[in-house]
Amino acid sequence: MSQMKILTEKDLRQIVSLDQETVACIEAAFEALATKPVAMPPILRLDIPEHRGEVDVKTAYVPGIDGFAVKISPGFFDNYKLGLPSTNGMMVLLSSRTGLVQALLLDNGYLTDVRTAAAGAVAAKHLSRPESAIATIFGAGMQARLQLKALTLVRPISTARIWARDHDKASKVAAELTLELGYAVSAITDPAEAVKDADIIVTTTPSETPILKYDWLAPGQHVTAMGSDAEHKNELEPALIAKAGLYVADSLKQTRRLGELHHAIEAGLVEPDAKFAELGQIIAGQKSGRTDTSQITVADLTGTGIQDTAIATLAFDRASTAGAGTIFES
């Protein structure tokens, strides 16, 4: 007979939040990717185009960690028309020693949202200028909200702008975030105007055509692109990747296949085998990050299985400490 812990979204929201410890957890995961023999297979993806749907399956094993997560992550981008969230999913945490299921995390995509936002904070911490105070977010969904919250954990953000194709939605989100974060968040109709004078720009959309252009940028700005997690998605103009002072991938193997880098390679602006730093290498001190205040830096975040194993392990440890969840015997 074996035991498995079942944790619902309600359980998980009580024990895991977007905070400094979560950011540190994801930062350590990136560093492990650069310093340990991590096993992280390519992402398995199923597309369901007639419903603007996709399902990603991600996993990673980190030597020295007792468990590894397998995550099923659906994204159905017409769900808002039905009054449903665009993202959903669950994680299974298995023992690295026996393969037995340790926990079923029925998070409905909550842990993915948190770890993705935490990754944005890690990128900003290591690539943006320390004094960065003005943030611009492209998108008005859950990740747009969380990415801005995450930035406030690592940089002295005092003003923010939001741009989205649906300006009414952007205005609503901006008003809510102004109340929640305690500083002015405004909705801007012109994307070029939205990035003017911004220190950090984060793109959080499922766009299939570029929404951010290189000519709009100014020296010293940092861009984090986290929406391009499939081959057909593309938020940044390919020239932006080619001309940036520093391009950094979460996983170079992944961004060459499905990130913003993929589109720059496809456009013939970057060589397929061009060498770039990964975020974990910069965290570990193996590669240089920003080298001067005038550099335009870009982080290409496609989402990695090691982030899922890290957040699932954190959730399981906190649940054990708090006595949260329901034990299921089989």
Protein backbone atom coordinates (compact mmCIF):
# COMPACT_ATOMS: atom_id res chain seq x y z
CA MET A 1 0.00 0.00 0.00
CA SER A 2 1.28 3.46 -0.91
CA GLN A 3 0.23 6.94 0.11
CA MET A 4 -0.26 9.98 -2.07
CA LYS A 5 -1.10 13.51 -1.03
CA ILE A 6 -3.78 15.38 -2.98
CA LEU A 7 -3.49 19.17 -2.97
CA THR A 8 -6.23 21.30 -4.46
CA GLU A 9 -5.84 24.80 -5.86
CA LYS A 10 -7.33 26.13 -2.61
CA ASP A 11 -4.70 24.21 -0.59
CA LEU A 12 -1.90 25.44 -2.81
CA ARG A 13 -2.96 29.08 -2.74
CA GLN A 14 -2.74 28.96 1.07
CA ILE A 15 0.84 27.67 1.14
CA VAL A 16 2.47 29.01 -2.07
CA SER A 17 2.45 32.65 -3.15
CA LEU A 18 4.52 34.95 -5.32
CA ASP A 19 7.08 36.02 -2.74
CA GLN A 20 10.82 36.31 -2.21
CA GLU A 21 11.18 32.64 -1.26
CA THR A 22 9.41 31.51 -4.42
CA VAL A 23 11.62 33.76 -6.55
CA ALA A 24 14.69 32.31 -4.80
CA CYS A 25 13.40 28.79 -5.48
CA ILE A 26 13.11 29.47 -9.22
CA GLU A 27 16.45 31.28 -9.26
CA ALA A 28 18.07 28.18 -7.73
CA ALA A 29 16.38 26.01 -10.37
CA PHE A 30 17.92 28.05 -13.19
CA GLU A 31 21.33 27.84 -11.51
CA ALA A 32 20.96 24.03 -11.20
CA LEU A 33 20.26 23.86 -14.93
CA ALA A 34 23.70 25.40 -15.51
CA THR A 35 25.64 23.55 -12.81
CA LYS A 36 24.11 20.07 -12.44
CA PRO A 37 23.49 17.14 -14.84
CA VAL A 38 19.77 17.90 -15.04
CA ALA A 39 17.64 15.58 -17.18
CA MET A 40 15.09 17.76 -19.00
CA PRO A 41 13.53 16.26 -22.16
CA PRO A 42 11.98 18.41 -24.90
CA ILE A 43 8.49 19.75 -24.29
CA LEU A 44 5.67 17.52 -25.55
CA ARG A 45 2.93 19.64 -27.10
CA LEU A 46 -0.50 18.84 -28.48
CA ASP A 47 -2.25 21.50 -30.58
CA ILE A 48 -6.03 21.78 -30.89
CA PRO A 49 -6.29 24.64 -33.41
CA GLU A 50 -10.05 24.67 -33.90
CA HIS A 51 -10.44 25.80 -30.27
CA ARG A 52 -7.20 27.86 -30.08
CA GLY A 53 -5.97 25.21 -27.70
CA GLU A 54 -2.60 23.72 -26.84
CA VAL A 55 -1.41 21.31 -24.18
CA ASP A 56 2.20 21.23 -22.98
CA VAL A 57 3.77 18.43 -20.95
CA LYS A 58 6.98 19.34 -19.12
CA THR A 59 9.27 17.54 -16.69
CA ALA A 60 12.78 17.55 -15.29
CA TYR A 61 14.88 15.53 -12.87
CA VAL A 62 17.45 17.35 -10.76
CA PRO A 63 20.07 15.14 -9.07
CA GLY A 64 19.84 15.43 -5.32
CA ILE A 65 16.13 16.30 -5.21
CA ASP A 66 13.84 13.57 -3.87
CA GLY A 67 11.02 14.19 -6.33
CA PHE A 68 10.42 15.19 -9.93
CA ALA A 69 7.30 16.74 -11.42
CA VAL A 70 5.40 15.95 -14.59
CA LYS A 71 3.13 18.83 -15.56
CA ILE A 72 0.17 18.88 -17.92
CA SER A 73 -0.54 22.47 -18.91
CA PRO A 74 -3.43 23.34 -21.26
CA GLY A 75 -3.88 26.81 -22.72
CA PHE A 76 -7.17 27.51 -24.50
CA PHE A 77 -7.14 31.14 -25.58
CA ASP A 78 -10.82 31.51 -26.53
CA ASN A 79 -11.94 30.46 -23.05
CA TYR A 80 -12.55 34.07 -22.04
CA LYS A 81 -15.60 34.02 -24.36
CA LEU A 82 -17.00 31.27 -22.14
CA GLY A 83 -16.13 33.01 -18.91
CA LEU A 84 -13.35 30.47 -18.25
CA PRO A 85 -9.64 30.96 -17.54
CA SER A 86 -7.27 30.55 -20.49
CA THR A 87 -4.84 28.33 -18.61
CA ASN A 88 -5.43 25.23 -16.52
CA GLY A 89 -3.66 22.01 -15.63
CA MET A 90 -2.12 19.88 -12.93
CA MET A 91 1.19 18.47 -11.72
CA VAL A 92 2.18 15.02 -10.51
CA LEU A 93 5.15 14.77 -8.14
CA LEU A 94 6.87 11.39 -8.20
CA SER A 95 9.66 9.97 -6.05
CA SER A 96 13.09 10.09 -7.68
CA ARG A 97 14.00 6.94 -5.74
CA THR A 98 11.02 4.66 -6.39
CA GLY A 99 8.88 6.34 -9.06
CA LEU A 100 5.87 6.20 -6.74
CA VAL A 101 3.46 9.14 -6.85
CA GLN A 102 4.08 11.44 -3.89
CA ALA A 103 1.50 14.09 -4.64
CA LEU A 104 -1.19 15.11 -7.08
CA LEU A 105 -1.24 18.91 -7.34
CA LEU A 106 -4.62 19.94 -8.75
CA ASP A 107 -3.57 23.56 -9.17
CA ASN A 108 -5.58 24.51 -12.29
CA GLY A 109 -2.45 26.25 -13.60
CA TYR A 110 -1.86 28.30 -10.43
CA LEU A 111 1.66 26.95 -9.80
CA THR A 112 2.58 27.51 -13.45
CA ASP A 113 1.39 31.11 -13.19
CA VAL A 114 3.47 31.66 -10.04
CA ARG A 115 6.66 30.02 -11.28
CA THR A 116 6.41 31.87 -14.64
CA ALA A 117 6.09 35.21 -12.87
CA ALA A 118 8.96 34.30 -10.55
CA ALA A 119 11.12 33.56 -13.61
CA GLY A 120 10.35 37.07 -14.87
CA ALA A 121 11.55 38.46 -11.56
CA VAL A 122 14.77 36.42 -11.80
CA ALA A 123 15.42 37.71 -15.33
CA ALA A 124 14.85 41.32 -14.25
CA LYS A 125 17.06 40.88 -11.18
CA HIS A 126 20.02 39.73 -13.25
CA LEU A 127 19.57 41.72 -16.48
CA SER A 128 17.79 45.02 -15.82
CA ARG A 129 19.44 48.08 -14.31
CA PRO A 130 19.20 48.01 -10.49
CA GLU A 131 17.49 51.42 -10.36
CA SER A 132 14.73 50.39 -12.82
CA ALA A 133 11.52 52.13 -11.71
CA ILE A 134 9.20 52.24 -14.75
CA ALA A 135 7.68 49.01 -16.09
CA THR A 136 5.61 48.37 -19.21
CA ILE A 137 3.56 45.20 -19.55
CA PHE A 138 2.17 43.95 -22.86
CA GLY A 139 -1.00 41.96 -22.24
CA ALA A 140 -3.85 42.18 -19.75
CA GLY A 141 -4.30 38.60 -18.57
CA MET A 142 -3.28 36.82 -15.39
CA GLN A 143 0.39 36.71 -16.34
CA ALA A 144 0.42 40.45 -17.02
CA ARG A 145 -0.75 41.06 -13.45
CA LEU A 146 1.69 38.60 -11.93
CA GLN A 147 4.71 39.75 -13.94
CA LEU A 148 4.23 43.29 -12.65
CA LYS A 149 3.84 42.05 -9.08
CA ALA A 150 6.98 39.95 -9.52
CA LEU A 151 9.01 42.94 -10.72
CA THR A 152 8.16 44.82 -7.52
CA LEU A 153 9.93 42.07 -5.55
CA VAL A 154 13.28 42.73 -7.24
CA ARG A 155 13.22 46.33 -8.50
CA PRO A 156 11.99 49.68 -7.09
CA ILE A 157 9.04 49.93 -9.50
CA SER A 158 7.07 53.14 -8.91
CA THR A 159 5.13 53.54 -12.19
CA ALA A 160 3.75 51.06 -14.71
CA ARG A 161 1.92 51.02 -18.02
CA ILE A 162 -0.17 48.31 -19.63
CA TRP A 163 -0.83 47.88 -23.33
CA ALA A 164 -3.22 45.29 -24.75
CA ARG A 165 -5.22 44.90 -27.93
CA ASP A 166 -8.35 45.13 -25.78
CA HIS A 167 -7.93 48.61 -24.31
CA ASP A 168 -11.00 48.30 -22.09
CA LYS A 169 -9.55 45.19 -20.48
CA ALA A 170 -6.18 46.93 -20.07
CA SER A 171 -7.89 49.89 -18.37
CA LYS A 172 -9.70 47.59 -15.96
CA VAL A 173 -6.53 45.71 -15.05
CA ALA A 174 -4.56 48.96 -14.67
CA ALA A 175 -7.15 50.35 -12.25
CA GLU A 176 -7.13 47.16 -10.17
CA LEU A 177 -3.33 47.03 -10.03
CA THR A 178 -3.12 50.70 -9.04
CA LEU A 179 -5.21 49.90 -5.96
CA GLU A 180 -3.39 46.65 -5.23
CA LEU A 181 0.22 47.80 -5.68
CA GLY A 182 -0.10 51.35 -4.41
CA TYR A 183 1.46 53.15 -7.39
CA ALA A 184 0.08 54.49 -10.67
CA VAL A 185 -0.60 51.88 -13.35
CA SER A 186 -2.05 53.31 -16.55
CA ALA A 187 -3.43 51.79 -19.76
CA ILE A 188 -1.80 53.11 -22.94
CA THR A 189 -3.36 52.73 -26.40
CA ASP A 190 -0.16 53.14 -28.46
CA PRO A 191 2.40 50.35 -27.89
CA ALA A 192 5.33 52.56 -28.99
CA GLU A 193 4.25 55.21 -26.48
CA ALA A 194 3.86 52.55 -23.79
CA VAL A 195 7.55 51.56 -23.97
CA LYS A 196 8.91 55.12 -24.12
CA ASP A 197 11.16 55.79 -21.10
CA ALA A 198 10.32 52.39 -19.58
CA ASP A 199 13.15 50.60 -17.79
CA ILE A 200 11.67 47.11 -18.06
CA ILE A 201 9.26 45.79 -20.71
CA VAL A 202 7.55 42.42 -20.31
CA THR A 203 5.49 40.79 -23.06
CA THR A 204 2.90 38.30 -21.80
CA THR A 205 0.67 37.54 -24.79
CA PRO A 206 -0.04 34.52 -27.05
CA SER A 207 0.52 36.74 -30.10
CA GLU A 208 1.51 35.10 -33.38
CA THR A 209 2.79 38.36 -34.92
CA PRO A 210 5.35 40.75 -33.38
CA ILE A 211 3.95 43.37 -31.01
CA LEU A 212 7.25 44.95 -29.91
CA LYS A 213 9.65 46.56 -32.39
CA TYR A 214 13.35 47.31 -32.04
CA ASP A 215 13.00 50.92 -33.25
CA TRP A 216 10.76 51.69 -30.27
CA LEU A 217 13.49 50.82 -27.77
CA ALA A 218 16.08 53.06 -26.16
CA PRO A 219 19.52 52.32 -24.68
CA GLY A 220 19.46 50.65 -21.27
CA GLN A 221 16.04 49.04 -21.52
CA HIS A 222 15.44 45.43 -20.56
CA VAL A 223 12.88 43.21 -22.32
CA THR A 224 11.51 39.93 -20.98
CA ALA A 225 9.48 37.94 -23.51
CA MET A 226 7.55 35.08 -21.94
CA GLY A 227 4.64 34.49 -24.32
CA SER A 228 6.49 32.69 -27.12
CA ASP A 229 6.35 29.13 -25.78
CA ALA A 230 5.35 27.50 -29.09
CA GLU A 231 6.74 27.66 -32.63
CA HIS A 232 3.86 29.75 -33.98
CA LYS A 233 3.99 32.39 -31.25
CA ASN A 234 6.06 35.54 -31.80
CA GLU A 235 5.98 38.70 -29.66
CA LEU A 236 9.28 40.36 -30.59
CA GLU A 237 10.34 41.64 -33.99
CA PRO A 238 13.19 39.29 -35.06
CA ALA A 239 15.48 42.31 -35.59
CA LEU A 240 15.19 43.02 -31.86
CA ILE A 241 16.86 39.70 -31.07
CA ALA A 242 19.59 40.27 -33.66
CA LYS A 243 20.37 43.84 -32.56
CA ALA A 244 20.07 43.52 -28.79
CA GLY A 245 23.23 44.13 -26.79
CA LEU A 246 22.64 40.96 -24.79
CA TYR A 247 20.28 38.07 -25.54
CA VAL A 248 19.70 35.48 -22.80
CA ALA A 249 17.69 32.25 -23.04
CA ASP A 250 16.08 30.23 -20.27
CA SER A 251 17.09 27.14 -22.28
CA LEU A 252 18.97 27.70 -25.52
CA LYS A 253 17.88 24.29 -26.80
CA GLN A 254 14.26 25.39 -26.35
CA THR A 255 14.51 28.98 -27.62
CA ARG A 256 16.20 27.81 -30.82
CA ARG A 257 13.16 25.62 -31.44
CA LEU A 258 10.21 27.60 -30.16
CA GLY A 259 11.21 30.91 -28.56
CA GLU A 260 11.78 34.38 -29.95
CA LEU A 261 15.26 33.22 -31.02
CA HIS A 262 13.60 30.66 -33.29
CA HIS A 263 11.99 33.46 -35.33
CA ALA A 264 15.25 35.42 -35.62
CA ILE A 265 16.97 32.28 -36.91
CA GLU A 266 14.11 31.60 -39.32
CA ALA A 267 14.35 35.17 -40.63
CA GLY A 268 18.06 34.64 -41.34
CA LEU A 269 19.13 37.32 -38.86
CA VAL A 270 20.87 34.94 -36.43
CA GLU A 271 22.93 31.86 -37.23
CA PRO A 272 21.27 28.59 -36.14
CA ASP A 273 24.29 27.61 -34.03
CA ALA A 274 25.01 31.06 -32.60
CA LYS A 275 26.14 30.91 -28.98
CA PHE A 276 24.25 32.83 -26.30
CA ALA A 277 24.19 32.82 -22.52
CA GLU A 278 21.49 31.06 -20.56
CA LEU A 279 19.97 32.68 -17.49
CA GLY A 280 21.29 29.96 -15.19
CA GLN A 281 24.84 30.52 -16.45
CA ILE A 282 24.61 34.21 -15.55
CA ILE A 283 23.21 33.39 -12.10
CA ALA A 284 26.05 30.90 -11.56
CA GLY A 285 28.67 33.42 -12.70
CA GLN A 286 29.69 31.31 -15.70
CA LYS A 287 28.69 34.00 -18.22
CA SER A 288 28.44 37.78 -18.05
CA GLY A 289 25.11 39.53 -17.72
CA ARG A 290 24.58 43.23 -18.42
CA THR A 291 27.99 44.86 -18.87
CA ASP A 292 26.94 48.51 -19.12
CA THR A 293 23.94 50.71 -18.47
CA SER A 294 23.30 51.45 -22.16
CA GLN A 295 22.86 47.83 -23.27
CA ILE A 296 19.46 46.67 -24.49
CA THR A 297 19.01 43.27 -22.85
CA VAL A 298 16.51 40.56 -23.76
CA ALA A 299 15.41 37.49 -21.79
CA ASP A 300 13.63 34.84 -23.86
CA LEU A 301 11.59 32.73 -21.43
CA THR A 302 9.86 29.68 -22.92
CA GLY A 303 9.19 27.92 -19.60
CA THR A 304 11.27 24.94 -18.46
CA GLY A 305 10.47 21.66 -16.79
CA ILE A 306 12.97 22.37 -14.04
CA GLN A 307 10.81 25.32 -12.94
CA ASP A 308 7.89 22.91 -12.53
CA THR A 309 9.89 20.40 -10.51
CA ALA A 310 11.15 23.27 -8.32
CA ILE A 311 7.73 24.79 -7.60
CA ALA A 312 6.09 21.37 -7.09
CA THR A 313 8.81 20.37 -4.62
CA LEU A 314 8.41 23.68 -2.77
CA ALA A 315 4.64 23.15 -2.59
CA PHE A 316 5.00 19.58 -1.34
CA ASP A 317 7.51 20.59 1.35
CA ARG A 318 5.29 23.44 2.53
CA ALA A 319 2.23 21.16 2.52
CA SER A 320 4.09 18.63 4.66
CA THR A 321 5.08 21.33 7.15
CA ALA A 322 1.58 22.82 7.28
CA GLY A 323 -0.25 19.50 7.30
CA ALA A 324 -2.15 20.62 4.20
CA GLY A 325 -3.86 18.35 1.67
CA THR A 326 -5.64 15.03 1.78
CA ILE A 327 -3.90 11.65 2.08
CA PHE A 328 -5.07 9.03 -0.44
CA GLU A 329 -4.08 5.39 0.04
CA SER A 330 -3.92 2.90 -2.79
